[in-house]
Amino acid sequence: MTSKAYAEFLKDIDVMLGQLKKAAGVSEGPMTQRDLDVLAAASADLLTLAIANMPEPRRGETIRELSEMLAVDVAKKREWLERKNPNRRLDTPKGSA
C-alpha cells in the first residue's frame, strides 16, 4: 500500500470510527453494563462479518494478527481512559452501586 493510500485508509477509519462512536453514544459519558454488553456484541458481529467477507489468505492473516493485538490494544485503551477520566471508576458501570 502506498503512503498516500495508507493515509487515506487511516482517514477513512477515523471518520468511520467517529460515526460509530456517535451512533453508539460512547463519547457521551459513562455507560451502563447493558450498554457496554450490547456495544461489545454489535462490534464483534460487525468485525466477524467484515473478516468473513475477506478472501484467503488475508482472512487468516487478519484473524491471527487480531488475536495477537487485541489484548495489547485493550490494555492501552484502558490506560488512556483512566488517564482521561481519573475520577471515574471504570470497574463500576453507570447505574451500579
PDB file of N, CA and C in Angstrom:
ATOM      1  N   MET A   1       0.859  -1.173   0.000  1.00  0.00           N
ATOM      2  CA  MET A   1       0.000   0.000   0.000  1.00  0.00           C
ATOM      3  C   MET A   1       0.904   1.233   0.000  1.00  0.00           C
ATOM      4  N   THR A   2       0.621   2.159  -0.894  1.00  0.00           N
ATOM      5  CA  THR A   2       1.426   3.377  -0.957  1.00  0.00           C
ATOM      6  C   THR A   2       1.149   4.248   0.255  1.00  0.00           C
ATOM      7  N   SER A   3       2.043   5.193   0.504  1.00  0.00           N
ATOM      8  CA  SER A   3       1.858   6.064   1.677  1.00  0.00           C
ATOM      9  C   SER A   3       0.594   6.912   1.525  1.00  0.00           C
ATOM     10  N   LYS A   4       0.273   7.327   0.291  1.00  0.00           N
ATOM     11  CA  LYS A   4      -0.944   8.105   0.076  1.00  0.00           C
ATOM     12  C   LYS A   4      -2.190   7.242   0.329  1.00  0.00           C
ATOM     13  N   ALA A   5      -2.166   6.010  -0.175  1.00  0.00           N
ATOM     14  CA  ALA A   5      -3.294   5.104   0.040  1.00  0.00           C
ATOM     15  C   ALA A   5      -3.451   4.784   1.524  1.00  0.00           C
ATOM     16  N   TYR A   6      -2.319   4.598   2.215  1.00  0.00           N
ATOM     17  CA  TYR A   6      -2.367   4.307   3.643  1.00  0.00           C
ATOM     18  C   TYR A   6      -2.926   5.491   4.424  1.00  0.00           C
ATOM     19  N   ALA A   7      -2.539   6.701   4.061  1.00  0.00           N
ATOM     20  CA  ALA A   7      -3.059   7.904   4.721  1.00  0.00           C
ATOM     21  C   ALA A   7      -4.566   8.016   4.512  1.00  0.00           C
ATOM     22  N   GLU A   8      -5.033   7.716   3.314  1.00  0.00           N
ATOM     23  CA  GLU A   8      -6.477   7.743   3.044  1.00  0.00           C
ATOM     24  C   GLU A   8      -7.200   6.656   3.832  1.00  0.00           C
ATOM     25  N   PHE A   9      -6.570   5.486   3.947  1.00  0.00           N
ATOM     26  CA  PHE A   9      -7.122   4.384   4.723  1.00  0.00           C
ATOM     27  C   PHE A   9      -7.307   4.800   6.185  1.00  0.00           C
ATOM     28  N   LEU A  10      -6.266   5.407   6.760  1.00  0.00           N
ATOM     29  CA  LEU A  10      -6.347   5.868   8.149  1.00  0.00           C
ATOM     30  C   LEU A  10      -7.411   6.941   8.323  1.00  0.00           C
ATOM     31  N   LYS A  11      -7.526   7.841   7.357  1.00  0.00           N
ATOM     32  CA  LYS A  11      -8.545   8.887   7.426  1.00  0.00           C
ATOM     33  C   LYS A  11      -9.938   8.268   7.390  1.00  0.00           C
ATOM     34  N   ASP A  12     -10.139   7.298   6.508  1.00  0.00           N
ATOM     35  CA  ASP A  12     -11.438   6.616   6.425  1.00  0.00           C
ATOM     36  C   ASP A  12     -11.778   5.912   7.734  1.00  0.00           C
ATOM     37  N   ILE A  13     -10.773   5.296   8.363  1.00  0.00           N
ATOM     38  CA  ILE A  13     -11.000   4.624   9.643  1.00  0.00           C
ATOM     39  C   ILE A  13     -11.423   5.636  10.704  1.00  0.00           C
ATOM     40  N   ASP A  14     -10.733   6.768  10.770  1.00  0.00           N
ATOM     41  CA  ASP A  14     -11.071   7.803  11.755  1.00  0.00           C
ATOM     42  C   ASP A  14     -12.502   8.303  11.564  1.00  0.00           C
ATOM     43  N   VAL A  15     -12.895   8.533  10.322  1.00  0.00           N
ATOM     44  CA  VAL A  15     -14.252   9.013  10.032  1.00  0.00           C
ATOM     45  C   VAL A  15     -15.280   7.963  10.440  1.00  0.00           C
ATOM     46  N   MET A  16     -15.044   6.706  10.031  1.00  0.00           N
ATOM     47  CA  MET A  16     -15.996   5.643  10.358  1.00  0.00           C
ATOM     48  C   MET A  16     -16.073   5.407  11.857  1.00  0.00           C
ATOM     49  N   LEU A  17     -14.934   5.430  12.527  1.00  0.00           N
ATOM     50  CA  LEU A  17     -14.916   5.238  13.970  1.00  0.00           C
ATOM     51  C   LEU A  17     -15.688   6.354  14.673  1.00  0.00           C
ATOM     52  N   GLY A  18     -15.510   7.579  14.227  1.00  0.00           N
ATOM     53  CA  GLY A  18     -16.258   8.698  14.797  1.00  0.00           C
ATOM     54  C   GLY A  18     -17.756   8.524  14.629  1.00  0.00           C
ATOM     55  N   GLN A  19     -18.178   8.062  13.461  1.00  0.00           N
ATOM     56  CA  GLN A  19     -19.596   7.842  13.215  1.00  0.00           C
ATOM     57  C   GLN A  19     -20.145   6.726  14.100  1.00  0.00           C
ATOM     58  N   LEU A  20     -19.368   5.650  14.246  1.00  0.00           N
ATOM     59  CA  LEU A  20     -19.804   4.541  15.095  1.00  0.00           C
ATOM     60  C   LEU A  20     -19.893   4.948  16.561  1.00  0.00           C
ATOM     61  N   LYS A  21     -18.897   5.717  17.031  1.00  0.00           N
ATOM     62  CA  LYS A  21     -18.923   6.187  18.420  1.00  0.00           C
ATOM     63  C   LYS A  21     -20.135   7.068  18.675  1.00  0.00           C
ATOM     64  N   LYS A  22     -20.427   7.952  17.733  1.00  0.00           N
ATOM     65  CA  LYS A  22     -21.577   8.840  17.888  1.00  0.00           C
ATOM     66  C   LYS A  22     -22.876   8.039  17.898  1.00  0.00           C
ATOM     67  N   ALA A  23     -22.996   7.096  16.981  1.00  0.00           N
ATOM     68  CA  ALA A  23     -24.209   6.273  16.912  1.00  0.00           C
ATOM     69  C   ALA A  23     -24.397   5.440  18.173  1.00  0.00           C
ATOM     70  N   ALA A  24     -23.291   4.974  18.755  1.00  0.00           N
ATOM     71  CA  ALA A  24     -23.362   4.140  19.952  1.00  0.00           C
ATOM     72  C   ALA A  24     -23.440   4.956  21.232  1.00  0.00           C
ATOM     73  N   GLY A  25     -23.209   6.256  21.144  1.00  0.00           N
ATOM     74  CA  GLY A  25     -23.243   7.095  22.330  1.00  0.00           C
ATOM     75  C   GLY A  25     -22.067   6.865  23.254  1.00  0.00           C
ATOM     76  N   VAL A  26     -20.958   6.377  22.726  1.00  0.00           N
ATOM     77  CA  VAL A  26     -19.791   6.052  23.551  1.00  0.00           C
ATOM     78  C   VAL A  26     -19.164   7.289  24.171  1.00  0.00           C
ATOM     79  N   SER A  27     -19.133   8.372  23.444  1.00  0.00           N
ATOM     80  CA  SER A  27     -18.446   9.562  23.943  1.00  0.00           C
ATOM     81  C   SER A  27     -19.324  10.444  24.831  1.00  0.00           C
ATOM     82  N   GLU A  28     -20.494   9.974  25.158  1.00  0.00           N
ATOM     83  CA  GLU A  28     -21.432  10.778  25.936  1.00  0.00           C
ATOM     84  C   GLU A  28     -21.337  10.528  27.429  1.00  0.00           C
ATOM     85  N   GLY A  29     -20.263   9.922  27.894  1.00  0.00           N
ATOM     86  CA  GLY A  29     -20.084   9.699  29.321  1.00  0.00           C
ATOM     87  C   GLY A  29     -20.190   8.231  29.676  1.00  0.00           C
ATOM     88  N   PRO A  30     -20.245   7.943  30.969  1.00  0.00           N
ATOM     89  CA  PRO A  30     -20.293   6.552  31.432  1.00  0.00           C
ATOM     90  C   PRO A  30     -21.511   5.813  30.871  1.00  0.00           C
ATOM     91  N   MET A  31     -21.324   4.533  30.626  1.00  0.00           N
ATOM     92  CA  MET A  31     -22.390   3.703  30.079  1.00  0.00           C
ATOM     93  C   MET A  31     -22.752   2.629  31.084  1.00  0.00           C
ATOM     94  N   THR A  32     -23.978   2.130  31.016  1.00  0.00           N
ATOM     95  CA  THR A  32     -24.392   1.026  31.881  1.00  0.00           C
ATOM     96  C   THR A  32     -23.738  -0.258  31.388  1.00  0.00           C
ATOM     97  N   GLN A  33     -23.732  -1.269  32.240  1.00  0.00           N
ATOM     98  CA  GLN A  33     -23.164  -2.554  31.834  1.00  0.00           C
ATOM     99  C   GLN A  33     -23.926  -3.115  30.644  1.00  0.00           C
ATOM    100  N   ARG A  34     -25.233  -2.925  30.621  1.00  0.00           N
ATOM    101  CA  ARG A  34     -26.035  -3.404  29.496  1.00  0.00           C
ATOM    102  C   ARG A  34     -25.605  -2.707  28.207  1.00  0.00           C
ATOM    103  N   ASP A  35     -25.425  -1.391  28.254  1.00  0.00           N
ATOM    104  CA  ASP A  35     -24.972  -0.642  27.077  1.00  0.00           C
ATOM    105  C   ASP A  35     -23.623  -1.175  26.582  1.00  0.00           C
ATOM    106  N   LEU A  36     -22.717  -1.422  27.520  1.00  0.00           N
ATOM    107  CA  LEU A  36     -21.399  -1.929  27.157  1.00  0.00           C
ATOM    108  C   LEU A  36     -21.488  -3.324  26.542  1.00  0.00           C
ATOM    109  N   ASP A  37     -22.356  -4.180  27.098  1.00  0.00           N
ATOM    110  CA  ASP A  37     -22.527  -5.531  26.555  1.00  0.00           C
ATOM    111  C   ASP A  37     -23.097  -5.489  25.140  1.00  0.00           C
ATOM    112  N   VAL A  38     -24.099  -4.632  24.923  1.00  0.00           N
ATOM    113  CA  VAL A  38     -24.700  -4.504  23.600  1.00  0.00           C
ATOM    114  C   VAL A  38     -23.680  -3.969  22.602  1.00  0.00           C
ATOM    115  N   LEU A  39     -22.938  -2.957  22.992  1.00  0.00           N
ATOM    116  CA  LEU A  39     -21.923  -2.384  22.117  1.00  0.00           C
ATOM    117  C   LEU A  39     -20.850  -3.413  21.769  1.00  0.00           C
ATOM    118  N   ALA A  40     -20.391  -4.181  22.749  1.00  0.00           N
ATOM    119  CA  ALA A  40     -19.372  -5.204  22.502  1.00  0.00           C
ATOM    120  C   ALA A  40     -19.907  -6.286  21.561  1.00  0.00           C
ATOM    121  N   ALA A  41     -21.132  -6.719  21.774  1.00  0.00           N
ATOM    122  CA  ALA A  41     -21.716  -7.756  20.915  1.00  0.00           C
ATOM    123  C   ALA A  41     -21.898  -7.251  19.485  1.00  0.00           C
ATOM    124  N   ALA A  42     -22.380  -6.025  19.337  1.00  0.00           N
ATOM    125  CA  ALA A  42     -22.572  -5.461  17.997  1.00  0.00           C
ATOM    126  C   ALA A  42     -21.224  -5.269  17.299  1.00  0.00           C
ATOM    127  N   SER A  43     -20.229  -4.828  18.040  1.00  0.00           N
ATOM    128  CA  SER A  43     -18.897  -4.642  17.470  1.00  0.00           C
ATOM    129  C   SER A  43     -18.308  -5.975  17.016  1.00  0.00           C
ATOM    130  N   ALA A  44     -18.477  -7.006  17.839  1.00  0.00           N
ATOM    131  CA  ALA A  44     -17.963  -8.333  17.486  1.00  0.00           C
ATOM    132  C   ALA A  44     -18.652  -8.860  16.235  1.00  0.00           C
ATOM    133  N   ASP A  45     -19.956  -8.647  16.134  1.00  0.00           N
ATOM    134  CA  ASP A  45     -20.693  -9.106  14.961  1.00  0.00           C
ATOM    135  C   ASP A  45     -20.229  -8.368  13.703  1.00  0.00           C
ATOM    136  N   LEU A  46     -20.034  -7.052  13.815  1.00  0.00           N
ATOM    137  CA  LEU A  46     -19.552  -6.265  12.686  1.00  0.00           C
ATOM    138  C   LEU A  46     -18.154  -6.723  12.268  1.00  0.00           C
ATOM    139  N   LEU A  47     -17.291  -6.971  13.241  1.00  0.00           N
ATOM    140  CA  LEU A  47     -15.938  -7.424  12.950  1.00  0.00           C
ATOM    141  C   LEU A  47     -15.948  -8.787  12.257  1.00  0.00           C
ATOM    142  N   THR A  48     -16.706  -9.734  12.784  1.00  0.00           N
ATOM    143  CA  THR A  48     -16.732 -11.062  12.174  1.00  0.00           C
ATOM    144  C   THR A  48     -17.320 -11.020  10.773  1.00  0.00           C
ATOM    145  N   LEU A  49     -18.311 -10.175  10.543  1.00  0.00           N
ATOM    146  CA  LEU A  49     -18.887 -10.038   9.210  1.00  0.00           C
ATOM    147  C   LEU A  49     -17.870  -9.462   8.233  1.00  0.00           C
ATOM    148  N   ALA A  50     -17.127  -8.445   8.669  1.00  0.00           N
ATOM    149  CA  ALA A  50     -16.112  -7.848   7.808  1.00  0.00           C
ATOM    150  C   ALA A  50     -15.017  -8.852   7.468  1.00  0.00           C
ATOM    151  N   ILE A  51     -14.550  -9.599   8.468  1.00  0.00           N
ATOM    152  CA  ILE A  51     -13.491 -10.584   8.224  1.00  0.00           C
ATOM    153  C   ILE A  51     -13.997 -11.730   7.360  1.00  0.00           C
ATOM    154  N   ALA A  52     -15.237 -12.142   7.568  1.00  0.00           N
ATOM    155  CA  ALA A  52     -15.802 -13.236   6.771  1.00  0.00           C
ATOM    156  C   ALA A  52     -15.874 -12.876   5.292  1.00  0.00           C
ATOM    157  N   ASN A  53     -15.980 -11.616   4.989  1.00  0.00           N
ATOM    158  CA  ASN A  53     -16.046 -11.177   3.596  1.00  0.00           C
ATOM    159  C   ASN A  53     -14.674 -11.073   2.931  1.00  0.00           C
ATOM    160  N   MET A  54     -13.604 -11.223   3.704  1.00  0.00           N
ATOM    161  CA  MET A  54     -12.249 -11.137   3.142  1.00  0.00           C
ATOM    162  C   MET A  54     -11.881 -12.450   2.462  1.00  0.00           C
ATOM    163  N   PRO A  55     -11.129 -12.352   1.368  1.00  0.00           N
ATOM    164  CA  PRO A  55     -10.647 -13.578   0.729  1.00  0.00           C
ATOM    165  C   PRO A  55      -9.443 -14.137   1.488  1.00  0.00           C
ATOM    166  N   GLU A  56      -9.205 -15.430   1.339  1.00  0.00           N
ATOM    167  CA  GLU A  56      -7.964 -16.010   1.864  1.00  0.00           C
ATOM    168  C   GLU A  56      -6.842 -15.611   0.926  1.00  0.00           C
ATOM    169  N   PRO A  57      -5.637 -15.422   1.365  1.00  0.00           N
ATOM    170  CA  PRO A  57      -5.120 -15.686   2.699  1.00  0.00           C
ATOM    171  C   PRO A  57      -5.292 -14.505   3.651  1.00  0.00           C
ATOM    172  N   ARG A  58      -5.824 -13.385   3.162  1.00  0.00           N
ATOM    173  CA  ARG A  58      -5.944 -12.196   4.010  1.00  0.00           C
ATOM    174  C   ARG A  58      -6.822 -12.461   5.224  1.00  0.00           C
ATOM    175  N   ARG A  59      -7.892 -13.249   5.059  1.00  0.00           N
ATOM    176  CA  ARG A  59      -8.797 -13.532   6.186  1.00  0.00           C
ATOM    177  C   ARG A  59      -8.027 -14.205   7.321  1.00  0.00           C
ATOM    178  N   GLY A  60      -7.254 -15.239   7.015  1.00  0.00           N
ATOM    179  CA  GLY A  60      -6.479 -15.940   8.039  1.00  0.00           C
ATOM    180  C   GLY A  60      -5.435 -15.047   8.686  1.00  0.00           C
ATOM    181  N   GLU A  61      -4.776 -14.224   7.874  1.00  0.00           N
ATOM    182  CA  GLU A  61      -3.771 -13.299   8.406  1.00  0.00           C
ATOM    183  C   GLU A  61      -4.415 -12.304   9.361  1.00  0.00           C
ATOM    184  N   THR A  62      -5.569 -11.793   8.993  1.00  0.00           N
ATOM    185  CA  THR A  62      -6.268 -10.821   9.828  1.00  0.00           C
ATOM    186  C   THR A  62      -6.655 -11.426  11.161  1.00  0.00           C
ATOM    187  N   ILE A  63      -7.146 -12.652  11.135  1.00  0.00           N
ATOM    188  CA  ILE A  63      -7.546 -13.316  12.381  1.00  0.00           C
ATOM    189  C   ILE A  63      -6.346 -13.521  13.294  1.00  0.00           C
ATOM    190  N   ARG A  64      -5.222 -13.975  12.747  1.00  0.00           N
ATOM    191  CA  ARG A  64      -4.014 -14.170  13.563  1.00  0.00           C
ATOM    192  C   ARG A  64      -3.512 -12.847  14.132  1.00  0.00           C
ATOM    193  N   GLU A  65      -3.439 -11.826  13.284  1.00  0.00           N
ATOM    194  CA  GLU A  65      -2.962 -10.521  13.744  1.00  0.00           C
ATOM    195  C   GLU A  65      -3.883  -9.941  14.811  1.00  0.00           C
ATOM    196  N   LEU A  66      -5.181 -10.088  14.616  1.00  0.00           N
ATOM    197  CA  LEU A  66      -6.149  -9.547  15.562  1.00  0.00           C
ATOM    198  C   LEU A  66      -6.009 -10.194  16.928  1.00  0.00           C
ATOM    199  N   SER A  67      -5.874 -11.517  16.951  1.00  0.00           N
ATOM    200  CA  SER A  67      -5.762 -12.193  18.244  1.00  0.00           C
ATOM    201  C   SER A  67      -4.480 -11.785  18.971  1.00  0.00           C
ATOM    202  N   GLU A  68      -3.425 -11.489  18.229  1.00  0.00           N
ATOM    203  CA  GLU A  68      -2.170 -11.071  18.848  1.00  0.00           C
ATOM    204  C   GLU A  68      -2.247  -9.645  19.382  1.00  0.00           C
ATOM    205  N   MET A  69      -3.003  -8.786  18.723  1.00  0.00           N
ATOM    206  CA  MET A  69      -3.040  -7.365  19.081  1.00  0.00           C
ATOM    207  C   MET A  69      -4.143  -6.994  20.065  1.00  0.00           C
ATOM    208  N   LEU A  70      -5.194  -7.776  20.152  1.00  0.00           N
ATOM    209  CA  LEU A  70      -6.372  -7.368  20.908  1.00  0.00           C
ATOM    210  C   LEU A  70      -6.081  -7.085  22.378  1.00  0.00           C
ATOM    211  N   ALA A  71      -5.405  -7.982  23.061  1.00  0.00           N
ATOM    212  CA  ALA A  71      -5.133  -7.774  24.491  1.00  0.00           C
ATOM    213  C   ALA A  71      -4.275  -6.532  24.718  1.00  0.00           C
ATOM    214  N   VAL A  72      -3.288  -6.319  23.874  1.00  0.00           N
ATOM    215  CA  VAL A  72      -2.417  -5.145  23.998  1.00  0.00           C
ATOM    216  C   VAL A  72      -3.218  -3.872  23.762  1.00  0.00           C
ATOM    217  N   ASP A  73      -4.041  -3.869  22.712  1.00  0.00           N
ATOM    218  CA  ASP A  73      -4.841  -2.683  22.400  1.00  0.00           C
ATOM    219  C   ASP A  73      -5.848  -2.368  23.499  1.00  0.00           C
ATOM    220  N   VAL A  74      -6.469  -3.400  24.064  1.00  0.00           N
ATOM    221  CA  VAL A  74      -7.424  -3.186  25.152  1.00  0.00           C
ATOM    222  C   VAL A  74      -6.723  -2.582  26.364  1.00  0.00           C
ATOM    223  N   ALA A  75      -5.547  -3.083  26.692  1.00  0.00           N
ATOM    224  CA  ALA A  75      -4.801  -2.548  27.847  1.00  0.00           C
ATOM    225  C   ALA A  75      -4.413  -1.089  27.622  1.00  0.00           C
ATOM    226  N   LYS A  76      -3.957  -0.763  26.417  1.00  0.00           N
ATOM    227  CA  LYS A  76      -3.589   0.620  26.114  1.00  0.00           C
ATOM    228  C   LYS A  76      -4.804   1.543  26.174  1.00  0.00           C
ATOM    229  N   LYS A  77      -5.924   1.110  25.623  1.00  0.00           N
ATOM    230  CA  LYS A  77      -7.138   1.933  25.637  1.00  0.00           C
ATOM    231  C   LYS A  77      -7.633   2.113  27.068  1.00  0.00           C
ATOM    232  N   ARG A  78      -7.517   1.076  27.874  1.00  0.00           N
ATOM    233  CA  ARG A  78      -7.927   1.162  29.279  1.00  0.00           C
ATOM    234  C   ARG A  78      -7.091   2.211  30.018  1.00  0.00           C
ATOM    235  N   GLU A  79      -5.782   2.194  29.800  1.00  0.00           N
ATOM    236  CA  GLU A  79      -4.904   3.188  30.420  1.00  0.00           C
ATOM    237  C   GLU A  79      -5.273   4.592  29.958  1.00  0.00           C
ATOM    238  N   TRP A  80      -5.566   4.732  28.681  1.00  0.00           N
ATOM    239  CA  TRP A  80      -5.954   6.039  28.131  1.00  0.00           C
ATOM    240  C   TRP A  80      -7.245   6.519  28.786  1.00  0.00           C
ATOM    241  N   LEU A  81      -8.226   5.642  28.926  1.00  0.00           N
ATOM    242  CA  LEU A  81      -9.498   6.011  29.554  1.00  0.00           C
ATOM    243  C   LEU A  81      -9.286   6.413  31.009  1.00  0.00           C
ATOM    244  N   GLU A  82      -8.435   5.687  31.704  1.00  0.00           N
ATOM    245  CA  GLU A  82      -8.179   6.008  33.108  1.00  0.00           C
ATOM    246  C   GLU A  82      -7.467   7.353  33.262  1.00  0.00           C
ATOM    247  N   ARG A  83      -6.574   7.688  32.326  1.00  0.00           N
ATOM    248  CA  ARG A  83      -5.920   8.999  32.369  1.00  0.00           C
ATOM    249  C   ARG A  83      -6.902  10.108  31.997  1.00  0.00           C
ATOM    250  N   LYS A  84      -7.768   9.837  31.038  1.00  0.00           N
ATOM    251  CA  LYS A  84      -8.730  10.838  30.579  1.00  0.00           C
ATOM    252  C   LYS A  84      -9.767  11.141  31.657  1.00  0.00           C
ATOM    253  N   ASN A  85     -10.176  10.127  32.405  1.00  0.00           N
ATOM    254  CA  ASN A  85     -11.202  10.263  33.436  1.00  0.00           C
ATOM    255  C   ASN A  85     -10.664   9.752  34.769  1.00  0.00           C
ATOM    256  N   PRO A  86      -9.750  10.480  35.418  1.00  0.00           N
ATOM    257  CA  PRO A  86      -9.110   9.958  36.629  1.00  0.00           C
ATOM    258  C   PRO A  86     -10.064   9.739  37.803  1.00  0.00           C
ATOM    259  N   ASN A  87     -11.181  10.442  37.842  1.00  0.00           N
ATOM    260  CA  ASN A  87     -12.112  10.295  38.961  1.00  0.00           C
ATOM    261  C   ASN A  87     -13.169   9.222  38.719  1.00  0.00           C
ATOM    262  N   ARG A  88     -13.225   8.684  37.525  1.00  0.00           N
ATOM    263  CA  ARG A  88     -14.218   7.671  37.181  1.00  0.00           C
ATOM    264  C   ARG A  88     -13.658   6.283  37.468  1.00  0.00           C
ATOM    265  N   ARG A  89     -14.449   5.501  38.179  1.00  0.00           N
ATOM    266  CA  ARG A  89     -14.055   4.119  38.458  1.00  0.00           C
ATOM    267  C   ARG A  89     -14.570   3.259  37.316  1.00  0.00           C
ATOM    268  N   LEU A  90     -13.687   2.783  36.449  1.00  0.00           N
ATOM    269  CA  LEU A  90     -14.092   2.021  35.271  1.00  0.00           C
ATOM    270  C   LEU A  90     -14.677   0.670  35.616  1.00  0.00           C
ATOM    271  N   ASP A  91     -14.362   0.139  36.783  1.00  0.00           N
ATOM    272  CA  ASP A  91     -14.889  -1.171  37.158  1.00  0.00           C
ATOM    273  C   ASP A  91     -16.284  -1.097  37.760  1.00  0.00           C
ATOM    274  N   THR A  92     -16.859   0.103  37.840  1.00  0.00           N
ATOM    275  CA  THR A  92     -18.210   0.284  38.357  1.00  0.00           C
ATOM    276  C   THR A  92     -19.037   0.997  37.299  1.00  0.00           C
ATOM    277  N   PRO A  93     -19.767   0.244  36.440  1.00  0.00           N
ATOM    278  CA  PRO A  93     -20.562   0.872  35.381  1.00  0.00           C
ATOM    279  C   PRO A  93     -21.641   1.780  35.929  1.00  0.00           C
ATOM    280  N   LYS A  94     -22.044   2.759  35.132  1.00  0.00           N
ATOM    281  CA  LYS A  94     -23.106   3.689  35.492  1.00  0.00           C
ATOM    282  C   LYS A  94     -24.365   2.901  35.858  1.00  0.00           C
ATOM    283  N   GLY A  95     -24.990   3.271  36.924  1.00  0.00           N
ATOM    284  CA  GLY A  95     -26.201   2.598  37.371  1.00  0.00           C
ATOM    285  C   GLY A  95     -25.923   1.483  38.363  1.00  0.00           C
ATOM    286  N   SER A  96     -24.636   1.209  38.631  1.00  0.00           N
ATOM    287  CA  SER A  96     -24.275   0.185  39.605  1.00  0.00           C
ATOM    288  C   SER A  96     -23.996   0.831  40.943  1.00  0.00           C
ATOM    289  N   ALA A  97     -24.020   0.017  41.988  1.00  0.00           N
ATOM    290  CA  ALA A  97     -23.723   0.529  43.338  1.00  0.00           C
ATOM    291  C   ALA A  97     -22.258   0.702  43.542  1.00  0.00           C
TER     292      ALA A  97
END
